């Protein structure tokens, strides 16, 4: 029995220690964000004259509700038509294909170099579509937009000039949210994503650390893609995978916090869970693939540390689940283990992780919403709800992470889009709505009961 308890304590403290170290890493990003922002200065002449050939790739799969607005918005971009190509990479199996054909013909008749590339096998999923289309892309630079994005008209004029430096392989922009205020769920997602697209991306980029292409709303140098090994479907996060391969080859990435690319947030929980599963499992797969490469690289210790923590960020959910599951028996037996009382005292130090996390998200919301009392009040209201949502999703995400580390392969499941842009929009008749209840849904019901037990123990 004593051996079991020691083992349980060891697992609990290892998980707590990881959460503590991860939170300290995030705190350094807050410091870097506030003190060491990079300033990207481009000469006026470069801005006005640097107009290389650009190919825009639009990877879509069954996006009948949003594909028309995507194509329309991309065709409104300000850029010389003789230097612009648009590829609609369509793997659709429904009426999306016909919608695209009509819309592509419409813009082609207006003088646009736009092509509809339809595949029937979905080989390699999104990564496969990008790889195949790259072979025939005319552009020296490749801009990518997912189906739910609405890029601003000056997107290319803001991003392309940064490639005047020959070692820049990627320019990534910040995500905006067209339906931020649609519901509490979308507000909480925006709250979380804003922190990544401000503190995290800027903090890492400010000191030449590893950052990631976010799968969309960015521009690649074609040469960088090829020299880094091209797109690969062996993880569910082909964007993160290619990002690390490119930066390990010393390509420079530029992150533009002040250039926002608006997109739609999943308005229902099933769509959010689908997205979270792909992101967290893919993150674990990419970590497994690249952590050793990061450690063996010639980067500085600080860059390596942040890279490892960046790759392992989805492991936070595994640690949360471990701590929650073990808290109940440990709290119950605390009084019967006097020899371990000092360890429990030490464990209380890990509560600092909570305050670090709070500073991380407070910094983000003050940046996005402005330094005002209203922003602080919004943070106070949203932060506890965000923590509750994260705890609720932790089991779902932890299973995805463990599958990723175990090497269990699953298909690429896209996040369904709904064309939700206003509070009064409805999605109930959307044919992509995911309402299936599997075994995991019942397991999550039990997980909710465990969390309630933990909180009851802690506060009693």
Protein backbone atom coordinates (compact mmCIF):
# COMPACT_ATOMS: atom_id res chain seq x y z
CA UNK A 1 0.00 0.00 0.00
CA UNK A 2 2.82 2.37 0.90
CA UNK A 3 4.53 1.72 -2.45
CA UNK A 4 1.28 2.53 -4.28
CA UNK A 5 0.92 5.78 -2.38
CA UNK A 6 4.53 6.79 -3.09
CA UNK A 7 3.99 6.05 -6.77
CA UNK A 8 0.76 8.07 -6.74
CA UNK A 9 2.52 10.98 -5.07
CA UNK A 10 5.34 10.80 -7.61
CA UNK A 11 2.94 11.00 -10.56
CA UNK A 12 1.05 13.84 -8.91
CA UNK A 13 4.18 15.89 -8.25
CA UNK A 14 5.62 15.26 -11.73
CA UNK A 15 2.39 16.49 -13.30
CA UNK A 16 2.27 19.48 -10.94
CA UNK A 17 5.92 20.27 -11.64
CA UNK A 18 5.32 20.28 -15.40
CA UNK A 19 2.38 22.65 -14.98
CA UNK A 20 4.54 24.87 -12.77
CA UNK A 21 7.45 24.97 -15.24
CA UNK A 22 5.08 25.55 -18.14
CA UNK A 23 3.47 28.48 -16.32
CA UNK A 24 6.89 30.01 -15.60
CA UNK A 25 7.71 29.68 -19.29
CA UNK A 26 4.51 31.51 -20.13
CA UNK A 27 5.48 34.21 -17.63
CA UNK A 28 8.74 34.79 -19.51
CA UNK A 29 6.67 35.23 -22.68
CA UNK A 30 4.63 37.91 -20.93
CA UNK A 31 7.86 39.68 -20.01
CA UNK A 32 9.21 39.40 -23.54
CA UNK A 33 5.92 40.61 -24.96
CA UNK A 34 5.92 43.70 -22.76
CA UNK A 35 9.60 44.57 -23.12
CA UNK A 36 11.12 43.13 -26.30
CA UNK A 37 8.69 43.55 -29.17
CA UNK A 38 10.27 43.34 -32.60
CA UNK A 39 9.85 46.30 -34.90
CA UNK A 40 9.70 45.38 -38.57
CA UNK A 41 10.79 48.40 -40.55
CA UNK A 42 10.36 48.30 -44.32
CA UNK A 43 11.49 51.12 -46.53
CA UNK A 44 8.74 52.96 -48.34
CA UNK A 45 10.25 52.14 -51.71
CA UNK A 46 10.14 48.41 -50.93
CA UNK A 47 6.52 48.67 -49.83
CA UNK A 48 5.54 50.36 -53.07
CA UNK A 49 7.62 48.41 -55.58
CA UNK A 50 8.18 44.87 -54.26
CA UNK A 51 5.47 42.93 -56.12
CA UNK A 52 6.60 39.34 -56.74
CA UNK A 53 4.30 36.67 -58.16
CA UNK A 54 1.93 35.31 -55.49
CA UNK A 55 -0.22 32.19 -55.50
CA UNK A 56 -3.15 32.08 -53.07
CA UNK A 57 -4.21 28.59 -52.05
CA UNK A 58 -7.67 27.96 -50.61
CA UNK A 59 -7.88 24.38 -49.25
CA UNK A 60 -11.56 23.44 -48.76
CA UNK A 61 -13.55 20.32 -48.02
CA UNK A 62 -17.37 20.41 -47.96
CA UNK A 63 -17.72 24.13 -47.23
CA UNK A 64 -20.98 25.00 -48.95
CA UNK A 65 -21.89 27.71 -46.42
CA UNK A 66 -18.70 29.77 -46.60
CA UNK A 67 -16.81 29.00 -49.81
CA UNK A 68 -18.49 31.72 -51.89
CA UNK A 69 -17.66 34.49 -49.45
CA UNK A 70 -14.08 33.17 -49.19
CA UNK A 71 -13.49 33.32 -52.94
CA UNK A 72 -15.15 36.74 -53.21
CA UNK A 73 -13.04 38.14 -50.40
CA UNK A 74 -9.78 36.78 -51.82
CA UNK A 75 -10.58 38.24 -55.23
CA UNK A 76 -10.99 41.64 -53.59
CA UNK A 77 -7.36 41.67 -52.41
CA UNK A 78 -5.34 44.64 -53.61
CA UNK A 79 -2.56 43.26 -55.79
CA UNK A 80 -1.58 43.43 -59.48
CA UNK A 81 -3.65 40.85 -61.38
CA UNK A 82 -0.73 39.96 -63.60
CA UNK A 83 1.20 38.88 -60.48
CA UNK A 84 -1.60 36.93 -58.81
CA UNK A 85 -2.87 33.35 -59.08
CA UNK A 86 -5.67 31.79 -57.03
CA UNK A 87 -5.94 28.02 -56.54
CA UNK A 88 -9.12 26.62 -54.98
CA UNK A 89 -8.01 23.23 -53.64
CA UNK A 90 -11.26 21.34 -53.42
CA UNK A 91 -11.60 17.86 -51.90
CA UNK A 92 -15.37 18.20 -51.49
CA UNK A 93 -17.83 15.33 -51.85
CA UNK A 94 -21.01 17.41 -51.68
CA UNK A 95 -22.53 20.33 -53.59
CA UNK A 96 -19.60 22.56 -52.59
CA UNK A 97 -17.91 21.44 -55.82
CA UNK A 98 -20.67 22.89 -58.00
CA UNK A 99 -20.76 26.13 -56.00
CA UNK A 100 -17.02 26.56 -56.51
CA UNK A 101 -17.25 25.87 -60.24
CA UNK A 102 -19.81 28.65 -60.71
CA UNK A 103 -17.91 31.13 -58.54
CA UNK A 104 -14.53 30.40 -60.18
CA UNK A 105 -16.04 30.89 -63.65
CA UNK A 106 -17.53 34.20 -62.53
CA UNK A 107 -14.18 35.59 -61.40
CA UNK A 108 -12.29 34.10 -64.32
CA UNK A 109 -14.56 36.05 -66.66
CA UNK A 110 -13.53 39.19 -64.79
CA UNK A 111 -9.91 38.59 -65.69
CA UNK A 112 -8.63 36.69 -62.64
CA UNK A 113 -6.16 33.84 -62.93
CA UNK A 114 -8.19 31.47 -60.77
CA UNK A 115 -8.31 27.70 -61.05
CA UNK A 116 -10.47 25.01 -59.45
CA UNK A 117 -8.44 21.92 -58.51
CA UNK A 118 -10.75 19.09 -57.46
CA UNK A 119 -9.47 15.83 -55.98
CA UNK A 120 -11.51 12.71 -55.38
CA UNK A 121 -9.17 10.71 -53.12
CA UNK A 122 -8.26 13.20 -50.32
CA UNK A 123 -4.80 11.64 -50.18
CA UNK A 124 -2.86 13.30 -47.36
CA UNK A 125 -5.91 15.47 -46.55
CA UNK A 126 -5.07 19.19 -46.34
CA UNK A 127 -1.31 18.58 -46.44
CA UNK A 128 -1.72 16.40 -49.50
CA UNK A 129 -3.80 19.02 -51.30
CA UNK A 130 -1.26 21.75 -50.55
CA UNK A 131 1.65 19.58 -51.65
CA UNK A 132 0.07 18.57 -54.96
CA UNK A 133 -1.01 22.09 -55.84
CA UNK A 134 2.41 23.51 -54.97
CA UNK A 135 3.91 21.62 -57.91
CA UNK A 136 1.89 23.69 -60.41
CA UNK A 137 1.73 26.96 -58.44
CA UNK A 138 3.11 29.89 -60.44
CA UNK A 139 3.90 32.07 -57.45
CA UNK A 140 7.22 32.56 -55.73
CA UNK A 141 5.18 33.10 -52.57
CA UNK A 142 2.20 31.07 -51.33
CA UNK A 143 -0.60 32.65 -49.28
CA UNK A 144 -3.01 30.23 -47.58
CA UNK A 145 -6.52 30.82 -46.26
CA UNK A 146 -8.89 28.32 -44.70
CA UNK A 147 -12.55 28.41 -45.67
CA UNK A 148 -13.76 30.50 -42.72
CA UNK A 149 -11.37 33.41 -43.25
CA UNK A 150 -12.15 36.88 -44.61
CA UNK A 151 -8.78 38.50 -45.33
CA UNK A 152 -8.59 42.28 -45.41
CA UNK A 153 -8.06 43.83 -48.83
CA UNK A 154 -4.55 45.05 -47.99
CA UNK A 155 -3.36 41.65 -46.67
CA UNK A 156 -0.78 41.07 -49.42
CA UNK A 157 0.40 44.67 -49.38
CA UNK A 158 1.05 44.33 -45.65
CA UNK A 159 2.77 40.92 -45.75
CA UNK A 160 4.66 40.50 -49.04
CA UNK A 161 7.13 43.41 -48.51
CA UNK A 162 8.66 41.53 -45.56
CA UNK A 163 10.02 38.96 -48.00
CA UNK A 164 12.48 41.49 -49.40
CA UNK A 165 14.88 39.82 -46.96
CA UNK A 166 15.93 36.58 -48.63
CA UNK A 167 16.07 34.56 -45.39
CA UNK A 168 12.40 35.18 -44.46
CA UNK A 169 10.47 31.96 -45.06
CA UNK A 170 7.07 32.82 -43.54
CA UNK A 171 4.98 35.83 -42.61
CA UNK A 172 2.12 35.01 -40.23
CA UNK A 173 -0.71 37.37 -39.25
CA UNK A 174 -2.94 37.52 -36.19
CA UNK A 175 -6.40 35.94 -36.29
CA UNK A 176 -9.40 38.19 -35.77
CA UNK A 177 -12.88 36.92 -34.89
CA UNK A 178 -15.94 37.91 -36.90
CA UNK A 179 -18.35 36.26 -34.43
CA UNK A 180 -16.57 36.99 -31.13
CA UNK A 181 -19.77 38.20 -29.46
CA UNK A 182 -22.12 35.56 -30.91
CA UNK A 183 -22.29 33.56 -27.67
CA UNK A 184 -20.44 32.89 -24.44
CA UNK A 185 -18.71 29.95 -26.16
CA UNK A 186 -17.28 32.13 -28.94
CA UNK A 187 -16.24 34.81 -26.44
CA UNK A 188 -14.30 32.24 -24.43
CA UNK A 189 -12.60 30.91 -27.56
CA UNK A 190 -11.61 34.43 -28.60
CA UNK A 191 -10.32 35.02 -25.06
CA UNK A 192 -8.05 31.98 -25.36
CA UNK A 193 -6.90 32.50 -28.95
CA UNK A 194 -6.10 36.18 -28.40
CA UNK A 195 -3.49 35.20 -25.83
CA UNK A 196 -1.77 32.92 -28.32
CA UNK A 197 -1.85 35.53 -31.09
CA UNK A 198 -0.50 38.30 -28.87
CA UNK A 199 1.64 37.18 -25.93
CA UNK A 200 2.81 33.80 -27.23
CA UNK A 201 3.54 34.55 -30.88
CA UNK A 202 5.04 37.98 -30.24
CA UNK A 203 6.96 36.83 -27.16
CA UNK A 204 8.64 33.99 -29.03
CA UNK A 205 9.23 35.95 -32.23
CA UNK A 206 10.73 38.87 -30.30
CA UNK A 207 13.78 36.80 -29.36
CA UNK A 208 13.99 34.71 -32.54
CA UNK A 209 12.38 31.71 -30.87
CA UNK A 210 10.30 29.03 -32.55
CA UNK A 211 6.85 30.21 -33.63
CA UNK A 212 4.34 28.38 -35.76
CA UNK A 213 2.41 28.92 -38.93
CA UNK A 214 -1.21 28.72 -37.81
CA UNK A 215 -2.41 26.82 -40.87
CA UNK A 216 -3.94 29.88 -42.48
CA UNK A 217 -3.68 33.67 -42.82
CA UNK A 218 0.02 33.46 -43.59
CA UNK A 219 2.38 33.60 -46.57
CA UNK A 220 5.19 31.14 -47.30
CA UNK A 221 8.19 31.48 -49.57
CA UNK A 222 7.91 28.51 -51.92
CA UNK A 223 11.65 27.87 -51.71
CA UNK A 224 11.37 27.58 -47.92
CA UNK A 225 8.63 24.95 -48.21
CA UNK A 226 10.67 22.84 -50.61
CA UNK A 227 13.95 23.17 -48.73
CA UNK A 228 12.20 22.19 -45.48
CA UNK A 229 10.83 18.95 -46.94
CA UNK A 230 7.43 20.11 -48.23
CA UNK A 231 4.05 19.47 -46.64
CA UNK A 232 3.68 16.15 -44.82
CA UNK A 233 0.49 14.38 -43.71
CA UNK A 234 2.17 12.28 -41.01
CA UNK A 235 0.75 14.53 -38.26
CA UNK A 236 -2.64 16.22 -37.88
CA UNK A 237 -0.89 19.59 -37.55
CA UNK A 238 0.98 19.82 -40.83
CA UNK A 239 1.39 23.56 -40.20
CA UNK A 240 3.27 23.13 -36.90
CA UNK A 241 5.35 20.31 -38.36
CA UNK A 242 6.55 22.34 -41.36
CA UNK A 243 7.14 25.37 -39.13
CA UNK A 244 9.65 23.50 -37.00
CA UNK A 245 11.37 21.86 -39.95
CA UNK A 246 11.82 25.28 -41.58
CA UNK A 247 13.11 27.03 -38.46
CA UNK A 248 15.50 24.18 -37.69
CA UNK A 249 16.97 24.99 -41.10
CA UNK A 250 17.37 28.60 -39.89
CA UNK A 251 14.62 30.21 -41.96
CA UNK A 252 13.38 33.39 -40.31
CA UNK A 253 9.68 33.81 -39.49
CA UNK A 254 7.98 37.19 -39.22
CA UNK A 255 4.89 37.62 -37.05
CA UNK A 256 2.66 40.65 -37.66
CA UNK A 257 0.51 41.27 -34.60
CA UNK A 258 -0.96 44.44 -36.08
CA UNK A 259 -2.28 42.73 -39.22
CA UNK A 260 -5.52 40.95 -38.32
CA UNK A 261 -7.16 38.32 -40.51
CA UNK A 262 -10.79 37.82 -39.41
CA UNK A 263 -12.27 34.32 -39.19
CA UNK A 264 -15.25 32.46 -37.80
CA UNK A 265 -15.09 30.72 -34.42
CA UNK A 266 -16.94 27.38 -33.95
CA UNK A 267 -20.36 28.33 -32.54
CA UNK A 268 -21.20 24.92 -31.04
CA UNK A 269 -19.35 22.66 -28.64
CA UNK A 270 -19.17 19.63 -30.96
CA UNK A 271 -17.36 21.71 -33.60
CA UNK A 272 -14.99 23.12 -30.98
CA UNK A 273 -14.20 19.63 -29.67
CA UNK A 274 -13.45 18.44 -33.20
CA UNK A 275 -11.03 21.32 -33.64
CA UNK A 276 -9.43 20.82 -30.22
CA UNK A 277 -8.95 17.10 -30.85
CA UNK A 278 -7.06 17.75 -34.09
CA UNK A 279 -4.93 20.53 -32.59
CA UNK A 280 -3.97 18.68 -29.40
CA UNK A 281 -3.36 15.28 -31.00
CA UNK A 282 -1.43 16.85 -33.87
CA UNK A 283 0.60 18.86 -31.38
CA UNK A 284 1.58 15.67 -29.56
CA UNK A 285 2.48 13.96 -32.85
CA UNK A 286 4.66 16.90 -33.83
CA UNK A 287 6.30 16.99 -30.40
CA UNK A 288 7.16 13.32 -30.69
CA UNK A 289 8.63 14.00 -34.12
CA UNK A 290 10.68 17.11 -33.36
CA UNK A 291 11.61 17.44 -29.68
CA UNK A 292 14.87 15.55 -30.15
CA UNK A 293 15.66 17.67 -33.22
CA UNK A 294 15.13 20.85 -31.20
CA UNK A 295 17.34 19.62 -28.35
CA UNK A 296 20.12 18.56 -30.74
CA UNK A 297 19.99 21.83 -32.68
CA UNK A 298 22.56 24.61 -32.34
CA UNK A 299 19.98 27.02 -30.95
CA UNK A 300 20.52 28.69 -27.57
CA UNK A 301 19.36 26.98 -24.38
CA UNK A 302 16.52 29.49 -23.97
CA UNK A 303 15.31 28.93 -27.53
CA UNK A 304 15.45 25.16 -27.06
CA UNK A 305 13.55 25.38 -23.76
CA UNK A 306 10.78 27.49 -25.24
CA UNK A 307 10.66 25.22 -28.29
CA UNK A 308 10.24 22.10 -26.17
CA UNK A 309 7.56 23.73 -24.03
CA UNK A 310 5.82 25.01 -27.15
CA UNK A 311 5.75 21.52 -28.66
CA UNK A 312 4.55 19.98 -25.41
CA UNK A 313 1.86 22.55 -24.61
CA UNK A 314 -0.94 20.07 -25.32
CA UNK A 315 0.54 17.83 -22.59
CA UNK A 316 -0.84 20.34 -20.10
CA UNK A 317 -4.21 18.59 -20.44
CA UNK A 318 -2.71 15.22 -19.49
CA UNK A 319 -1.19 16.81 -16.39
CA UNK A 320 -4.48 18.50 -15.46
CA UNK A 321 -6.32 15.18 -15.69
CA UNK A 322 -3.61 13.40 -13.68
CA UNK A 323 -3.69 16.01 -10.92
CA UNK A 324 -7.49 16.00 -10.77
CA UNK A 325 -7.76 12.21 -10.68
CA UNK A 326 -5.12 11.88 -7.97
CA UNK A 327 -6.29 14.80 -5.86
CA UNK A 328 -9.26 12.96 -4.39
CA UNK A 329 -7.34 9.99 -2.87
CA UNK A 330 -4.40 12.21 -1.88
CA UNK A 331 -6.60 14.73 -0.09
CA UNK A 332 -8.45 11.91 1.65
CA UNK A 333 -5.25 10.24 2.85
CA UNK A 334 -3.33 13.41 3.67
CA UNK A 335 -3.98 13.08 7.39
CA UNK A 336 -2.89 9.43 7.44
CA UNK A 337 0.51 10.19 5.87
CA UNK A 338 2.26 12.49 8.36
CA UNK A 339 5.66 11.59 6.90
CA UNK A 340 4.65 13.33 3.65
CA UNK A 341 3.23 16.51 5.17
CA UNK A 342 6.17 18.60 3.96
CA UNK A 343 5.54 17.45 0.39
CA UNK A 344 1.97 18.70 0.59
CA UNK A 345 3.27 22.06 1.83
CA UNK A 346 5.68 22.23 -1.09
CA UNK A 347 2.85 21.35 -3.47
CA UNK A 348 1.00 24.50 -2.43
CA UNK A 349 3.77 26.50 -4.12
CA UNK A 350 2.49 25.19 -7.44
CA UNK A 351 -0.60 27.37 -6.95
CA UNK A 352 1.54 30.18 -8.31
CA UNK A 353 0.75 28.66 -11.73
CA UNK A 354 -2.78 30.01 -11.40
CA UNK A 355 -1.60 33.58 -10.89
CA UNK A 356 0.89 33.32 -13.75
CA UNK A 357 -1.88 32.11 -16.02
CA UNK A 358 -4.03 35.02 -14.91
CA UNK A 359 -1.29 37.53 -15.80
CA UNK A 360 -0.86 35.84 -19.18
CA UNK A 361 -4.50 36.29 -20.17
CA UNK A 362 -4.86 39.69 -18.52
CA UNK A 363 -1.97 41.01 -20.62
CA UNK A 364 -3.67 39.71 -23.74
CA UNK A 365 -7.09 41.19 -23.07
CA UNK A 366 -5.58 44.58 -22.17
CA UNK A 367 -3.80 44.54 -25.53
CA UNK A 368 -6.87 43.56 -27.55
CA UNK A 369 -9.49 45.59 -25.66
CA UNK A 370 -7.33 48.45 -24.38
CA UNK A 371 -6.04 49.43 -20.93
CA UNK A 372 -9.33 50.27 -19.29
CA UNK A 373 -11.47 49.31 -16.32
CA UNK A 374 -13.94 47.67 -18.71
CA UNK A 375 -11.17 45.36 -19.95
CA UNK A 376 -10.26 44.36 -16.40
CA UNK A 377 -13.91 43.67 -15.57
CA UNK A 378 -14.26 41.55 -18.70
CA UNK A 379 -11.17 39.60 -17.69
CA UNK A 380 -12.54 39.01 -14.17
CA UNK A 381 -15.78 37.68 -15.67
CA UNK A 382 -14.28 35.54 -18.44
CA UNK A 383 -11.19 34.06 -16.79
CA UNK A 384 -13.03 31.75 -14.31
CA UNK A 385 -15.37 30.61 -17.09
CA UNK A 386 -12.40 29.97 -19.37
CA UNK A 387 -10.79 27.83 -16.65
CA UNK A 388 -14.02 25.90 -16.22
CA UNK A 389 -14.27 25.26 -19.98
CA UNK A 390 -10.62 24.18 -20.11
CA UNK A 391 -11.16 21.75 -17.24
CA UNK A 392 -14.26 20.40 -18.94
CA UNK A 393 -12.35 19.79 -22.18
CA UNK A 394 -9.26 18.44 -20.44
CA UNK A 395 -10.26 14.76 -20.55
CA UNK A 396 -11.24 14.96 -24.22
CA UNK A 397 -7.98 16.70 -25.08
CA UNK A 398 -5.83 14.48 -22.85
CA UNK A 399 -7.08 11.37 -24.67
CA UNK A 400 -6.17 13.02 -27.98
CA UNK A 401 -2.68 13.84 -26.67
CA UNK A 402 -2.07 10.30 -25.42
CA UNK A 403 -3.20 8.92 -28.79
CA UNK A 404 -0.73 11.25 -30.47
CA UNK A 405 2.20 10.15 -28.32
CA UNK A 406 1.18 6.49 -28.72
CA UNK A 407 1.25 6.81 -32.51
CA UNK A 408 -2.42 5.96 -33.06
CA UNK A 409 -3.35 7.35 -36.48
CA UNK A 410 -6.73 8.90 -37.23
CA UNK A 411 -8.15 10.74 -40.21
CA UNK A 412 -8.09 14.52 -40.55
CA UNK A 413 -11.52 15.74 -39.36
CA UNK A 414 -12.13 19.32 -40.43
CA UNK A 415 -13.89 21.85 -38.22
CA UNK A 416 -17.36 22.47 -39.69
CA UNK A 417 -18.09 26.08 -40.72
CA UNK A 418 -21.48 27.73 -40.31
CA UNK A 419 -21.29 31.27 -41.77
CA UNK A 420 -22.16 32.73 -38.36
CA UNK A 421 -21.37 36.44 -38.39
CA UNK A 422 -24.18 38.02 -36.34
CA UNK A 423 -25.91 37.27 -33.04
CA UNK A 424 -29.22 36.46 -34.73
CA UNK A 425 -27.70 33.94 -37.19
CA UNK A 426 -28.86 30.33 -36.81
CA UNK A 427 -27.05 27.06 -37.44
CA UNK A 428 -29.66 24.42 -36.56
CA UNK A 429 -30.27 23.45 -40.20
CA UNK A 430 -26.57 23.19 -40.98
CA UNK A 431 -25.92 19.76 -42.47
CA UNK A 432 -22.41 19.69 -40.98
CA UNK A 433 -23.61 19.95 -37.38
CA UNK A 434 -22.07 17.21 -35.26
CA UNK A 435 -24.58 15.79 -32.79
CA UNK A 436 -23.35 12.23 -32.35
CA UNK A 437 -22.86 10.92 -28.81
CA UNK A 438 -20.10 8.36 -28.51
CA UNK A 439 -18.49 6.55 -25.62
CA UNK A 440 -16.39 9.61 -24.85
CA UNK A 441 -19.51 11.68 -24.11
CA UNK A 442 -20.49 9.28 -21.32
CA UNK A 443 -16.91 9.23 -20.05
CA UNK A 444 -16.97 13.02 -19.89
CA UNK A 445 -20.10 12.81 -17.74
CA UNK A 446 -18.10 10.77 -15.24
CA UNK A 447 -15.24 13.25 -15.56
CA UNK A 448 -17.58 16.06 -14.55
CA UNK A 449 -18.52 14.10 -11.43
CA UNK A 450 -14.81 13.64 -10.55
CA UNK A 451 -14.15 17.37 -10.97
CA UNK A 452 -17.05 18.15 -8.65
CA UNK A 453 -15.58 15.77 -6.07
CA UNK A 454 -12.19 17.48 -6.34
CA UNK A 455 -13.62 20.94 -5.81
CA UNK A 456 -15.72 19.69 -2.90
CA UNK A 457 -12.63 18.25 -1.25
CA UNK A 458 -10.52 21.35 -1.87
CA UNK A 459 -13.01 23.83 -0.48
CA UNK A 460 -14.17 21.80 2.50
